[in-house]
PDB file of N, CA and C in Angstrom:
ATOM      1  N   MET A   1     -67.067   1.549 -33.440  1.00  0.00           N
ATOM      2  CA  MET A   1     -68.089   2.500 -33.836  1.00  0.00           C
ATOM      3  C   MET A   1     -68.204   3.558 -32.752  1.00  0.00           C
ATOM      4  N   ASP A   2     -68.340   4.802 -33.172  1.00  0.00           N
ATOM      5  CA  ASP A   2     -68.416   5.920 -32.244  1.00  0.00           C
ATOM      6  C   ASP A   2     -69.815   6.048 -31.664  1.00  0.00           C
ATOM      7  N   SER A   3     -69.862   6.443 -30.419  1.00  0.00           N
ATOM      8  CA  SER A   3     -71.154   6.654 -29.779  1.00  0.00           C
ATOM      9  C   SER A   3     -71.697   8.024 -30.161  1.00  0.00           C
ATOM     10  N   THR A   4     -72.945   8.242 -29.824  1.00  0.00           N
ATOM     11  CA  THR A   4     -73.580   9.526 -30.119  1.00  0.00           C
ATOM     12  C   THR A   4     -72.878  10.654 -29.361  1.00  0.00           C
ATOM     13  N   ARG A   5     -72.504  10.386 -28.126  1.00  0.00           N
ATOM     14  CA  ARG A   5     -71.806  11.391 -27.325  1.00  0.00           C
ATOM     15  C   ARG A   5     -70.453  11.744 -27.937  1.00  0.00           C
ATOM     16  N   GLN A   6     -69.716  10.740 -28.387  1.00  0.00           N
ATOM     17  CA  GLN A   6     -68.438  11.004 -29.033  1.00  0.00           C
ATOM     18  C   GLN A   6     -68.625  11.866 -30.273  1.00  0.00           C
ATOM     19  N   ASN A   7     -69.621  11.560 -31.078  1.00  0.00           N
ATOM     20  CA  ASN A   7     -69.868  12.338 -32.284  1.00  0.00           C
ATOM     21  C   ASN A   7     -70.238  13.773 -31.957  1.00  0.00           C
ATOM     22  N   ARG A   8     -71.080  13.971 -30.958  1.00  0.00           N
ATOM     23  CA  ARG A   8     -71.478  15.330 -30.585  1.00  0.00           C
ATOM     24  C   ARG A   8     -70.293  16.146 -30.087  1.00  0.00           C
ATOM     25  N   ILE A   9     -69.463  15.538 -29.250  1.00  0.00           N
ATOM     26  CA  ILE A   9     -68.304  16.245 -28.714  1.00  0.00           C
ATOM     27  C   ILE A   9     -67.284  16.507 -29.811  1.00  0.00           C
ATOM     28  N   ALA A  10     -67.101  15.561 -30.719  1.00  0.00           N
ATOM     29  CA  ALA A  10     -66.167  15.758 -31.831  1.00  0.00           C
ATOM     30  C   ALA A  10     -66.618  16.915 -32.718  1.00  0.00           C
ATOM     31  N   LYS A  11     -67.913  16.978 -33.014  1.00  0.00           N
ATOM     32  CA  LYS A  11     -68.434  18.082 -33.839  1.00  0.00           C
ATOM     33  C   LYS A  11     -68.293  19.419 -33.120  1.00  0.00           C
ATOM     34  N   LEU A  12     -68.528  19.439 -31.808  1.00  0.00           N
ATOM     35  CA  LEU A  12     -68.371  20.671 -31.023  1.00  0.00           C
ATOM     36  C   LEU A  12     -66.921  21.139 -31.072  1.00  0.00           C
ATOM     37  N   ILE A  13     -65.991  20.219 -30.859  1.00  0.00           N
ATOM     38  CA  ILE A  13     -64.572  20.582 -30.871  1.00  0.00           C
ATOM     39  C   ILE A  13     -64.148  21.033 -32.261  1.00  0.00           C
ATOM     40  N   GLN A  14     -64.623  20.355 -33.303  1.00  0.00           N
ATOM     41  CA  GLN A  14     -64.293  20.737 -34.673  1.00  0.00           C
ATOM     42  C   GLN A  14     -64.781  22.148 -34.974  1.00  0.00           C
ATOM     43  N   LYS A  15     -66.013  22.459 -34.582  1.00  0.00           N
ATOM     44  CA  LYS A  15     -66.583  23.784 -34.839  1.00  0.00           C
ATOM     45  C   LYS A  15     -65.807  24.873 -34.102  1.00  0.00           C
ATOM     46  N   GLU A  16     -65.493  24.625 -32.848  1.00  0.00           N
ATOM     47  CA  GLU A  16     -64.793  25.627 -32.056  1.00  0.00           C
ATOM     48  C   GLU A  16     -63.341  25.800 -32.500  1.00  0.00           C
ATOM     49  N   LEU A  17     -62.681  24.710 -32.889  1.00  0.00           N
ATOM     50  CA  LEU A  17     -61.327  24.828 -33.400  1.00  0.00           C
ATOM     51  C   LEU A  17     -61.300  25.613 -34.704  1.00  0.00           C
ATOM     52  N   ALA A  18     -62.279  25.371 -35.556  1.00  0.00           N
ATOM     53  CA  ALA A  18     -62.354  26.123 -36.813  1.00  0.00           C
ATOM     54  C   ALA A  18     -62.516  27.614 -36.530  1.00  0.00           C
ATOM     55  N   GLU A  19     -63.328  27.928 -35.543  1.00  0.00           N
ATOM     56  CA  GLU A  19     -63.512  29.327 -35.171  1.00  0.00           C
ATOM     57  C   GLU A  19     -62.236  29.925 -34.600  1.00  0.00           C
ATOM     58  N   ILE A  20     -61.514  29.135 -33.825  1.00  0.00           N
ATOM     59  CA  ILE A  20     -60.241  29.612 -33.257  1.00  0.00           C
ATOM     60  C   ILE A  20     -59.245  29.911 -34.363  1.00  0.00           C
ATOM     61  N   PHE A  21     -59.134  28.993 -35.340  1.00  0.00           N
ATOM     62  CA  PHE A  21     -58.186  29.218 -36.426  1.00  0.00           C
ATOM     63  C   PHE A  21     -58.598  30.372 -37.325  1.00  0.00           C
ATOM     64  N   LEU A  22     -59.908  30.558 -37.497  1.00  0.00           N
ATOM     65  CA  LEU A  22     -60.395  31.597 -38.387  1.00  0.00           C
ATOM     66  C   LEU A  22     -60.406  32.968 -37.715  1.00  0.00           C
ATOM     67  N   ALA A  23     -61.045  33.073 -36.577  1.00  0.00           N
ATOM     68  CA  ALA A  23     -61.280  34.376 -35.957  1.00  0.00           C
ATOM     69  C   ALA A  23     -60.156  34.810 -35.025  1.00  0.00           C
ATOM     70  N   ASP A  24     -59.712  33.917 -34.177  1.00  0.00           N
ATOM     71  CA  ASP A  24     -58.739  34.312 -33.156  1.00  0.00           C
ATOM     72  C   ASP A  24     -57.344  34.502 -33.723  1.00  0.00           C
ATOM     73  N   GLY A  25     -57.068  33.866 -34.835  1.00  0.00           N
ATOM     74  CA  GLY A  25     -55.787  34.081 -35.504  1.00  0.00           C
ATOM     75  C   GLY A  25     -54.597  33.501 -34.764  1.00  0.00           C
ATOM     76  N   ILE A  26     -54.420  32.213 -34.885  1.00  0.00           N
ATOM     77  CA  ILE A  26     -53.225  31.577 -34.333  1.00  0.00           C
ATOM     78  C   ILE A  26     -52.038  32.114 -35.116  1.00  0.00           C
ATOM     79  N   PRO A  27     -50.922  32.391 -34.453  1.00  0.00           N
ATOM     80  CA  PRO A  27     -49.789  32.990 -35.166  1.00  0.00           C
ATOM     81  C   PRO A  27     -49.127  32.031 -36.158  1.00  0.00           C
ATOM     82  N   VAL A  28     -49.750  31.910 -37.306  1.00  0.00           N
ATOM     83  CA  VAL A  28     -49.169  31.128 -38.406  1.00  0.00           C
ATOM     84  C   VAL A  28     -48.967  32.073 -39.582  1.00  0.00           C
ATOM     85  N   TYR A  29     -48.497  31.534 -40.654  1.00  0.00           N
ATOM     86  CA  TYR A  29     -48.177  32.345 -41.819  1.00  0.00           C
ATOM     87  C   TYR A  29     -49.442  32.765 -42.560  1.00  0.00           C
ATOM     88  N   ASP A  30     -49.279  33.429 -43.687  1.00  0.00           N
ATOM     89  CA  ASP A  30     -50.425  33.888 -44.456  1.00  0.00           C
ATOM     90  C   ASP A  30     -51.058  32.714 -45.175  1.00  0.00           C
ATOM     91  N   CYS A  31     -51.867  31.973 -44.446  1.00  0.00           N
ATOM     92  CA  CYS A  31     -52.540  30.824 -45.034  1.00  0.00           C
ATOM     93  C   CYS A  31     -53.885  30.630 -44.335  1.00  0.00           C
ATOM     94  N   MET A  32     -54.702  29.797 -44.955  1.00  0.00           N
ATOM     95  CA  MET A  32     -56.000  29.507 -44.380  1.00  0.00           C
ATOM     96  C   MET A  32     -56.001  28.070 -43.879  1.00  0.00           C
ATOM     97  N   ILE A  33     -56.430  27.892 -42.632  1.00  0.00           N
ATOM     98  CA  ILE A  33     -56.480  26.565 -42.026  1.00  0.00           C
ATOM     99  C   ILE A  33     -57.927  26.212 -41.752  1.00  0.00           C
ATOM    100  N   THR A  34     -58.350  25.052 -42.238  1.00  0.00           N
ATOM    101  CA  THR A  34     -59.695  24.570 -41.950  1.00  0.00           C
ATOM    102  C   THR A  34     -59.589  23.224 -41.248  1.00  0.00           C
ATOM    103  N   VAL A  35     -60.524  22.985 -40.359  1.00  0.00           N
ATOM    104  CA  VAL A  35     -60.578  21.716 -39.639  1.00  0.00           C
ATOM    105  C   VAL A  35     -61.558  20.834 -40.390  1.00  0.00           C
ATOM    106  N   THR A  36     -61.041  19.798 -41.054  1.00  0.00           N
ATOM    107  CA  THR A  36     -61.905  18.972 -41.895  1.00  0.00           C
ATOM    108  C   THR A  36     -62.588  17.858 -41.116  1.00  0.00           C
ATOM    109  N   GLN A  37     -61.926  17.357 -40.090  1.00  0.00           N
ATOM    110  CA  GLN A  37     -62.504  16.257 -39.333  1.00  0.00           C
ATOM    111  C   GLN A  37     -61.876  16.206 -37.945  1.00  0.00           C
ATOM    112  N   THR A  38     -62.673  15.801 -36.962  1.00  0.00           N
ATOM    113  CA  THR A  38     -62.173  15.586 -35.613  1.00  0.00           C
ATOM    114  C   THR A  38     -62.711  14.259 -35.110  1.00  0.00           C
ATOM    115  N   LYS A  39     -61.823  13.456 -34.583  1.00  0.00           N
ATOM    116  CA  LYS A  39     -62.206  12.179 -33.984  1.00  0.00           C
ATOM    117  C   LYS A  39     -61.794  12.201 -32.529  1.00  0.00           C
ATOM    118  N   ILE A  40     -62.614  11.611 -31.674  1.00  0.00           N
ATOM    119  CA  ILE A  40     -62.314  11.607 -30.243  1.00  0.00           C
ATOM    120  C   ILE A  40     -62.321  10.170 -29.741  1.00  0.00           C
ATOM    121  N   THR A  41     -61.447   9.882 -28.804  1.00  0.00           N
ATOM    122  CA  THR A  41     -61.350   8.530 -28.257  1.00  0.00           C
ATOM    123  C   THR A  41     -62.566   8.232 -27.375  1.00  0.00           C
ATOM    124  N   PRO A  42     -62.868   6.948 -27.147  1.00  0.00           N
ATOM    125  CA  PRO A  42     -64.036   6.596 -26.334  1.00  0.00           C
ATOM    126  C   PRO A  42     -64.005   7.144 -24.907  1.00  0.00           C
ATOM    127  N   ASP A  43     -62.807   7.335 -24.337  1.00  0.00           N
ATOM    128  CA  ASP A  43     -62.750   7.883 -22.986  1.00  0.00           C
ATOM    129  C   ASP A  43     -62.721   9.417 -22.979  1.00  0.00           C
ATOM    130  N   LEU A  44     -62.866  10.033 -24.144  1.00  0.00           N
ATOM    131  CA  LEU A  44     -62.949  11.489 -24.323  1.00  0.00           C
ATOM    132  C   LEU A  44     -61.707  12.228 -23.831  1.00  0.00           C
ATOM    133  N   SER A  45     -60.558  11.568 -23.880  1.00  0.00           N
ATOM    134  CA  SER A  45     -59.345  12.198 -23.385  1.00  0.00           C
ATOM    135  C   SER A  45     -58.426  12.714 -24.494  1.00  0.00           C
ATOM    136  N   LEU A  46     -58.664  12.285 -25.736  1.00  0.00           N
ATOM    137  CA  LEU A  46     -57.797  12.673 -26.841  1.00  0.00           C
ATOM    138  C   LEU A  46     -58.628  12.973 -28.077  1.00  0.00           C
ATOM    139  N   ALA A  47     -58.382  14.132 -28.653  1.00  0.00           N
ATOM    140  CA  ALA A  47     -59.069  14.526 -29.882  1.00  0.00           C
ATOM    141  C   ALA A  47     -58.044  14.655 -31.002  1.00  0.00           C
ATOM    142  N   ARG A  48     -58.296  13.929 -32.096  1.00  0.00           N
ATOM    143  CA  ARG A  48     -57.416  14.008 -33.272  1.00  0.00           C
ATOM    144  C   ARG A  48     -58.108  14.878 -34.303  1.00  0.00           C
ATOM    145  N   SER A  49     -57.473  15.987 -34.639  1.00  0.00           N
ATOM    146  CA  SER A  49     -58.052  16.914 -35.608  1.00  0.00           C
ATOM    147  C   SER A  49     -57.224  16.928 -36.873  1.00  0.00           C
ATOM    148  N   TYR A  50     -57.923  16.870 -38.000  1.00  0.00           N
ATOM    149  CA  TYR A  50     -57.283  16.870 -39.309  1.00  0.00           C
ATOM    150  C   TYR A  50     -57.458  18.249 -39.925  1.00  0.00           C
ATOM    151  N   LEU A  51     -56.335  18.863 -40.297  1.00  0.00           N
ATOM    152  CA  LEU A  51     -56.317  20.217 -40.811  1.00  0.00           C
ATOM    153  C   LEU A  51     -56.025  20.224 -42.302  1.00  0.00           C
ATOM    154  N   SER A  52     -56.746  21.075 -43.002  1.00  0.00           N
ATOM    155  CA  SER A  52     -56.476  21.305 -44.408  1.00  0.00           C
ATOM    156  C   SER A  52     -55.891  22.714 -44.516  1.00  0.00           C
ATOM    157  N   ILE A  53     -54.717  22.819 -45.104  1.00  0.00           N
ATOM    158  CA  ILE A  53     -53.989  24.088 -45.146  1.00  0.00           C
ATOM    159  C   ILE A  53     -53.933  24.576 -46.591  1.00  0.00           C
ATOM    160  N   PHE A  54     -54.410  25.799 -46.812  1.00  0.00           N
ATOM    161  CA  PHE A  54     -54.444  26.394 -48.147  1.00  0.00           C
ATOM    162  C   PHE A  54     -53.507  27.596 -48.204  1.00  0.00           C
ATOM    163  N   ASN A  55     -52.959  27.842 -49.385  1.00  0.00           N
ATOM    164  CA  ASN A  55     -52.107  29.000 -49.664  1.00  0.00           C
ATOM    165  C   ASN A  55     -50.855  29.024 -48.794  1.00  0.00           C
ATOM    166  N   ALA A  56     -50.326  27.879 -48.484  1.00  0.00           N
ATOM    167  CA  ALA A  56     -49.097  27.817 -47.697  1.00  0.00           C
ATOM    168  C   ALA A  56     -47.982  27.273 -48.585  1.00  0.00           C
ATOM    169  N   GLU A  57     -46.798  27.825 -48.387  1.00  0.00           N
ATOM    170  CA  GLU A  57     -45.657  27.347 -49.160  1.00  0.00           C
ATOM    171  C   GLU A  57     -45.177  25.991 -48.648  1.00  0.00           C
ATOM    172  N   ASP A  58     -45.245  25.816 -47.327  1.00  0.00           N
ATOM    173  CA  ASP A  58     -44.778  24.562 -46.721  1.00  0.00           C
ATOM    174  C   ASP A  58     -45.786  24.124 -45.655  1.00  0.00           C
ATOM    175  N   ASN A  59     -46.592  23.119 -45.975  1.00  0.00           N
ATOM    176  CA  ASN A  59     -47.616  22.655 -45.045  1.00  0.00           C
ATOM    177  C   ASN A  59     -47.018  22.091 -43.764  1.00  0.00           C
ATOM    178  N   ASP A  60     -45.864  21.435 -43.871  1.00  0.00           N
ATOM    179  CA  ASP A  60     -45.233  20.855 -42.691  1.00  0.00           C
ATOM    180  C   ASP A  60     -44.792  21.931 -41.706  1.00  0.00           C
ATOM    181  N   LYS A  61     -44.333  23.046 -42.233  1.00  0.00           N
ATOM    182  CA  LYS A  61     -43.895  24.147 -41.373  1.00  0.00           C
ATOM    183  C   LYS A  61     -45.099  24.752 -40.634  1.00  0.00           C
ATOM    184  N   VAL A  62     -46.211  24.886 -41.323  1.00  0.00           N
ATOM    185  CA  VAL A  62     -47.425  25.400 -40.705  1.00  0.00           C
ATOM    186  C   VAL A  62     -47.924  24.429 -39.637  1.00  0.00           C
ATOM    187  N   LEU A  63     -47.907  23.146 -39.945  1.00  0.00           N
ATOM    188  CA  LEU A  63     -48.332  22.141 -38.966  1.00  0.00           C
ATOM    189  C   LEU A  63     -47.421  22.154 -37.746  1.00  0.00           C
ATOM    190  N   LYS A  64     -46.145  22.346 -37.960  1.00  0.00           N
ATOM    191  CA  LYS A  64     -45.200  22.422 -36.840  1.00  0.00           C
ATOM    192  C   LYS A  64     -45.526  23.617 -35.944  1.00  0.00           C
ATOM    193  N   THR A  65     -45.862  24.747 -36.553  1.00  0.00           N
ATOM    194  CA  THR A  65     -46.231  25.930 -35.782  1.00  0.00           C
ATOM    195  C   THR A  65     -47.512  25.690 -34.991  1.00  0.00           C
ATOM    196  N   VAL A  66     -48.472  25.028 -35.624  1.00  0.00           N
ATOM    197  CA  VAL A  66     -49.726  24.713 -34.926  1.00  0.00           C
ATOM    198  C   VAL A  66     -49.449  23.788 -33.748  1.00  0.00           C
ATOM    199  N   LYS A  67     -48.599  22.788 -33.954  1.00  0.00           N
ATOM    200  CA  LYS A  67     -48.275  21.856 -32.872  1.00  0.00           C
ATOM    201  C   LYS A  67     -47.542  22.555 -31.733  1.00  0.00           C
ATOM    202  N   GLN A  68     -46.716  23.560 -32.054  1.00  0.00           N
ATOM    203  CA  GLN A  68     -46.034  24.312 -31.013  1.00  0.00           C
ATOM    204  C   GLN A  68     -47.007  25.154 -30.193  1.00  0.00           C
ATOM    205  N   ASN A  69     -48.115  25.551 -30.822  1.00  0.00           N
ATOM    206  CA  ASN A  69     -49.111  26.376 -30.136  1.00  0.00           C
ATOM    207  C   ASN A  69     -50.283  25.558 -29.607  1.00  0.00           C
ATOM    208  N   THR A  70     -50.139  24.257 -29.508  1.00  0.00           N
ATOM    209  CA  THR A  70     -51.231  23.389 -29.064  1.00  0.00           C
ATOM    210  C   THR A  70     -51.723  23.765 -27.669  1.00  0.00           C
ATOM    211  N   LYS A  71     -50.825  24.121 -26.792  1.00  0.00           N
ATOM    212  CA  LYS A  71     -51.210  24.485 -25.423  1.00  0.00           C
ATOM    213  C   LYS A  71     -52.113  25.711 -25.429  1.00  0.00           C
ATOM    214  N   ASP A  72     -51.767  26.714 -26.209  1.00  0.00           N
ATOM    215  CA  ASP A  72     -52.563  27.927 -26.312  1.00  0.00           C
ATOM    216  C   ASP A  72     -53.910  27.643 -26.987  1.00  0.00           C
ATOM    217  N   ILE A  73     -53.896  26.799 -28.017  1.00  0.00           N
ATOM    218  CA  ILE A  73     -55.142  26.443 -28.716  1.00  0.00           C
ATOM    219  C   ILE A  73     -56.072  25.701 -27.772  1.00  0.00           C
ATOM    220  N   ARG A  74     -55.533  24.798 -26.976  1.00  0.00           N
ATOM    221  CA  ARG A  74     -56.343  24.042 -26.012  1.00  0.00           C
ATOM    222  C   ARG A  74     -56.931  24.984 -24.960  1.00  0.00           C
ATOM    223  N   PHE A  75     -56.146  25.964 -24.516  1.00  0.00           N
ATOM    224  CA  PHE A  75     -56.650  26.938 -23.549  1.00  0.00           C
ATOM    225  C   PHE A  75     -57.814  27.741 -24.145  1.00  0.00           C
ATOM    226  N   ARG A  76     -57.649  28.193 -25.397  1.00  0.00           N
ATOM    227  CA  ARG A  76     -58.731  28.945 -26.043  1.00  0.00           C
ATOM    228  C   ARG A  76     -59.964  28.074 -26.246  1.00  0.00           C
ATOM    229  N   LEU A  77     -59.749  26.819 -26.579  1.00  0.00           N
ATOM    230  CA  LEU A  77     -60.870  25.887 -26.718  1.00  0.00           C
ATOM    231  C   LEU A  77     -61.576  25.704 -25.391  1.00  0.00           C
ATOM    232  N   ALA A  78     -60.814  25.590 -24.321  1.00  0.00           N
ATOM    233  CA  ALA A  78     -61.409  25.424 -22.988  1.00  0.00           C
ATOM    234  C   ALA A  78     -62.256  26.627 -22.610  1.00  0.00           C
ATOM    235  N   GLN A  79     -61.818  27.817 -22.983  1.00  0.00           N
ATOM    236  CA  GLN A  79     -62.601  29.015 -22.688  1.00  0.00           C
ATOM    237  C   GLN A  79     -63.932  29.004 -23.425  1.00  0.00           C
ATOM    238  N   LYS A  80     -63.962  28.419 -24.609  1.00  0.00           N
ATOM    239  CA  LYS A  80     -65.181  28.405 -25.410  1.00  0.00           C
ATOM    240  C   LYS A  80     -66.160  27.294 -25.005  1.00  0.00           C
ATOM    241  N   VAL A  81     -65.642  26.152 -24.551  1.00  0.00           N
ATOM    242  CA  VAL A  81     -66.513  25.013 -24.258  1.00  0.00           C
ATOM    243  C   VAL A  81     -66.604  24.710 -22.759  1.00  0.00           C
ATOM    244  N   LYS A  82     -66.250  25.654 -21.924  1.00  0.00           N
ATOM    245  CA  LYS A  82     -66.202  25.373 -20.493  1.00  0.00           C
ATOM    246  C   LYS A  82     -67.579  25.029 -19.905  1.00  0.00           C
ATOM    247  N   HIS A  83     -68.668  25.449 -20.547  1.00  0.00           N
ATOM    248  CA  HIS A  83     -69.994  25.124 -20.036  1.00  0.00           C
ATOM    249  C   HIS A  83     -70.545  23.828 -20.620  1.00  0.00           C
ATOM    250  N   GLN A  84     -69.924  23.311 -21.677  1.00  0.00           N
ATOM    251  CA  GLN A  84     -70.387  22.062 -22.290  1.00  0.00           C
ATOM    252  C   GLN A  84     -69.571  20.847 -21.851  1.00  0.00           C
ATOM    253  N   LEU A  85     -68.282  21.023 -21.606  1.00  0.00           N
ATOM    254  CA  LEU A  85     -67.402  19.911 -21.261  1.00  0.00           C
ATOM    255  C   LEU A  85     -66.764  20.129 -19.904  1.00  0.00           C
ATOM    256  N   ARG A  86     -66.651  19.057 -19.157  1.00  0.00           N
ATOM    257  CA  ARG A  86     -65.988  19.137 -17.861  1.00  0.00           C
ATOM    258  C   ARG A  86     -64.468  19.153 -18.033  1.00  0.00           C
ATOM    259  N   VAL A  87     -63.983  18.257 -18.884  1.00  0.00           N
ATOM    260  CA  VAL A  87     -62.545  18.159 -19.147  1.00  0.00           C
ATOM    261  C   VAL A  87     -62.324  18.314 -20.640  1.00  0.00           C
ATOM    262  N   VAL A  88     -61.409  19.188 -21.013  1.00  0.00           N
ATOM    263  CA  VAL A  88     -61.093  19.394 -22.430  1.00  0.00           C
ATOM    264  C   VAL A  88     -60.038  18.367 -22.827  1.00  0.00           C
ATOM    265  N   PRO A  89     -60.270  17.626 -23.899  1.00  0.00           N
ATOM    266  CA  PRO A  89     -59.317  16.575 -24.291  1.00  0.00           C
ATOM    267  C   PRO A  89     -58.004  17.151 -24.795  1.00  0.00           C
ATOM    268  N   GLN A  90     -56.964  16.311 -24.748  1.00  0.00           N
ATOM    269  CA  GLN A  90     -55.683  16.671 -25.353  1.00  0.00           C
ATOM    270  C   GLN A  90     -55.899  16.756 -26.860  1.00  0.00           C
ATOM    271  N   LEU A  91     -55.173  17.652 -27.510  1.00  0.00           N
ATOM    272  CA  LEU A  91     -55.340  17.857 -28.942  1.00  0.00           C
ATOM    273  C   LEU A  91     -54.111  17.341 -29.694  1.00  0.00           C
ATOM    274  N   VAL A  92     -54.374  16.646 -30.788  1.00  0.00           N
ATOM    275  CA  VAL A  92     -53.322  16.185 -31.689  1.00  0.00           C
ATOM    276  C   VAL A  92     -53.746  16.591 -33.094  1.00  0.00           C
ATOM    277  N   PHE A  93     -52.836  17.202 -33.840  1.00  0.00           N
ATOM    278  CA  PHE A  93     -53.155  17.718 -35.159  1.00  0.00           C
ATOM    279  C   PHE A  93     -52.415  16.927 -36.240  1.00  0.00           C
ATOM    280  N   PHE A  94     -53.126  16.698 -37.353  1.00  0.00           N
ATOM    281  CA  PHE A  94     -52.576  16.012 -38.517  1.00  0.00           C
ATOM    282  C   PHE A  94     -52.975  16.795 -39.759  1.00  0.00           C
ATOM    283  N   ILE A  95     -52.202  16.623 -40.832  1.00  0.00           N
ATOM    284  CA  ILE A  95     -52.546  17.238 -42.108  1.00  0.00           C
ATOM    285  C   ILE A  95     -53.514  16.319 -42.841  1.00  0.00           C
ATOM    286  N   ASP A  96     -54.613  16.871 -43.312  1.00  0.00           N
ATOM    287  CA  ASP A  96     -55.583  16.115 -44.096  1.00  0.00           C
ATOM    288  C   ASP A  96     -55.195  16.257 -45.562  1.00  0.00           C
ATOM    289  N   ASP A  97     -54.752  15.173 -46.136  1.00  0.00           N
ATOM    290  CA  ASP A  97     -54.296  15.207 -47.530  1.00  0.00           C
ATOM    291  C   ASP A  97     -55.308  14.602 -48.485  1.00  0.00           C
ATOM    292  N   SER A  98     -56.552  14.504 -48.093  1.00  0.00           N
ATOM    293  CA  SER A  98     -57.571  13.897 -48.950  1.00  0.00           C
ATOM    294  C   SER A  98     -57.836  14.746 -50.195  1.00  0.00           C
ATOM    295  N   LEU A  99     -57.745  16.079 -50.081  1.00  0.00           N
ATOM    296  CA  LEU A  99     -57.952  16.931 -51.255  1.00  0.00           C
ATOM    297  C   LEU A  99     -56.814  16.760 -52.264  1.00  0.00           C
ATOM    298  N   ASP A 100     -55.604  16.613 -51.776  1.00  0.00           N
ATOM    299  CA  ASP A 100     -54.474  16.370 -52.668  1.00  0.00           C
ATOM    300  C   ASP A 100     -54.626  15.025 -53.369  1.00  0.00           C
ATOM    301  N   TYR A 101     -55.111  14.037 -52.640  1.00  0.00           N
ATOM    302  CA  TYR A 101     -55.334  12.716 -53.200  1.00  0.00           C
ATOM    303  C   TYR A 101     -56.401  12.773 -54.298  1.00  0.00           C
ATOM    304  N   LEU A 102     -57.484  13.499 -54.028  1.00  0.00           N
ATOM    305  CA  LEU A 102     -58.546  13.656 -55.024  1.00  0.00           C
ATOM    306  C   LEU A 102     -58.038  14.365 -56.278  1.00  0.00           C
ATOM    307  N   GLU A 103     -57.251  15.406 -56.078  1.00  0.00           N
ATOM    308  CA  GLU A 103     -56.701  16.152 -57.204  1.00  0.00           C
ATOM    309  C   GLU A 103     -55.779  15.263 -58.038  1.00  0.00           C
ATOM    310  N   ASN A 104     -55.005  14.439 -57.381  1.00  0.00           N
ATOM    311  CA  ASN A 104     -54.101  13.517 -58.078  1.00  0.00           C
ATOM    312  C   ASN A 104     -54.891  12.510 -58.897  1.00  0.00           C
ATOM    313  N   ILE A 105     -55.972  11.995 -58.358  1.00  0.00           N
ATOM    314  CA  ILE A 105     -56.821  11.040 -59.107  1.00  0.00           C
ATOM    315  C   ILE A 105     -57.460  11.717 -60.314  1.00  0.00           C
ATOM    316  N   GLU A 106     -57.935  12.945 -60.152  1.00  0.00           N
ATOM    317  CA  GLU A 106     -58.523  13.677 -61.270  1.00  0.00           C
ATOM    318  C   GLU A 106     -57.513  13.892 -62.375  1.00  0.00           C
ATOM    319  N   ASN A 107     -56.285  14.242 -62.007  1.00  0.00           N
ATOM    320  CA  ASN A 107     -55.234  14.452 -63.005  1.00  0.00           C
ATOM    321  C   ASN A 107     -54.903  13.150 -63.731  1.00  0.00           C
ATOM    322  N   LEU A 108     -54.921  12.042 -63.005  1.00  0.00           N
ATOM    323  CA  LEU A 108     -54.653  10.758 -63.642  1.00  0.00           C
ATOM    324  C   LEU A 108     -55.760  10.361 -64.602  1.00  0.00           C
ATOM    325  N   LEU A 109     -57.000  10.681 -64.254  1.00  0.00           N
ATOM    326  CA  LEU A 109     -58.133  10.346 -65.109  1.00  0.00           C
ATOM    327  C   LEU A 109     -58.179  11.216 -66.358  1.00  0.00           C
ATOM    328  N   LYS A 110     -57.691  12.443 -66.259  1.00  0.00           N
ATOM    329  CA  LYS A 110     -57.690  13.336 -67.438  1.00  0.00           C
ATOM    330  C   LYS A 110     -56.673  12.883 -68.477  1.00  0.00           C
ATOM    331  N   SER A 111     -55.562  12.341 -68.025  1.00  0.00           N
ATOM    332  CA  SER A 111     -54.520  11.962 -68.986  1.00  0.00           C
ATOM    333  C   SER A 111     -54.695  10.572 -69.541  1.00  0.00           C
TER     334      SER A 111
END
């Protein structure tokens, strides 16, 4: 079970990452990236962020580009949260496929 501190830091990182992807414009293709969930380890050293990618031809290619720019994303995150966090956790990104799963279930129920 996550502590209150873990939840607060995870929400802070999720909000700031979403702002980075939306406003700062990470060099990805013409698609929209949203951060659906962020989980942080108990020692606050690793943050796992789940991304939902819209209007992309190849989600894996977009995720690969995001992973290649992880160092730059972490630097931008550090600039935004430098007064709230002493150490910025390492970032790991995953594709959130829960919307695809929901859509698949809806299609199965319709037929």
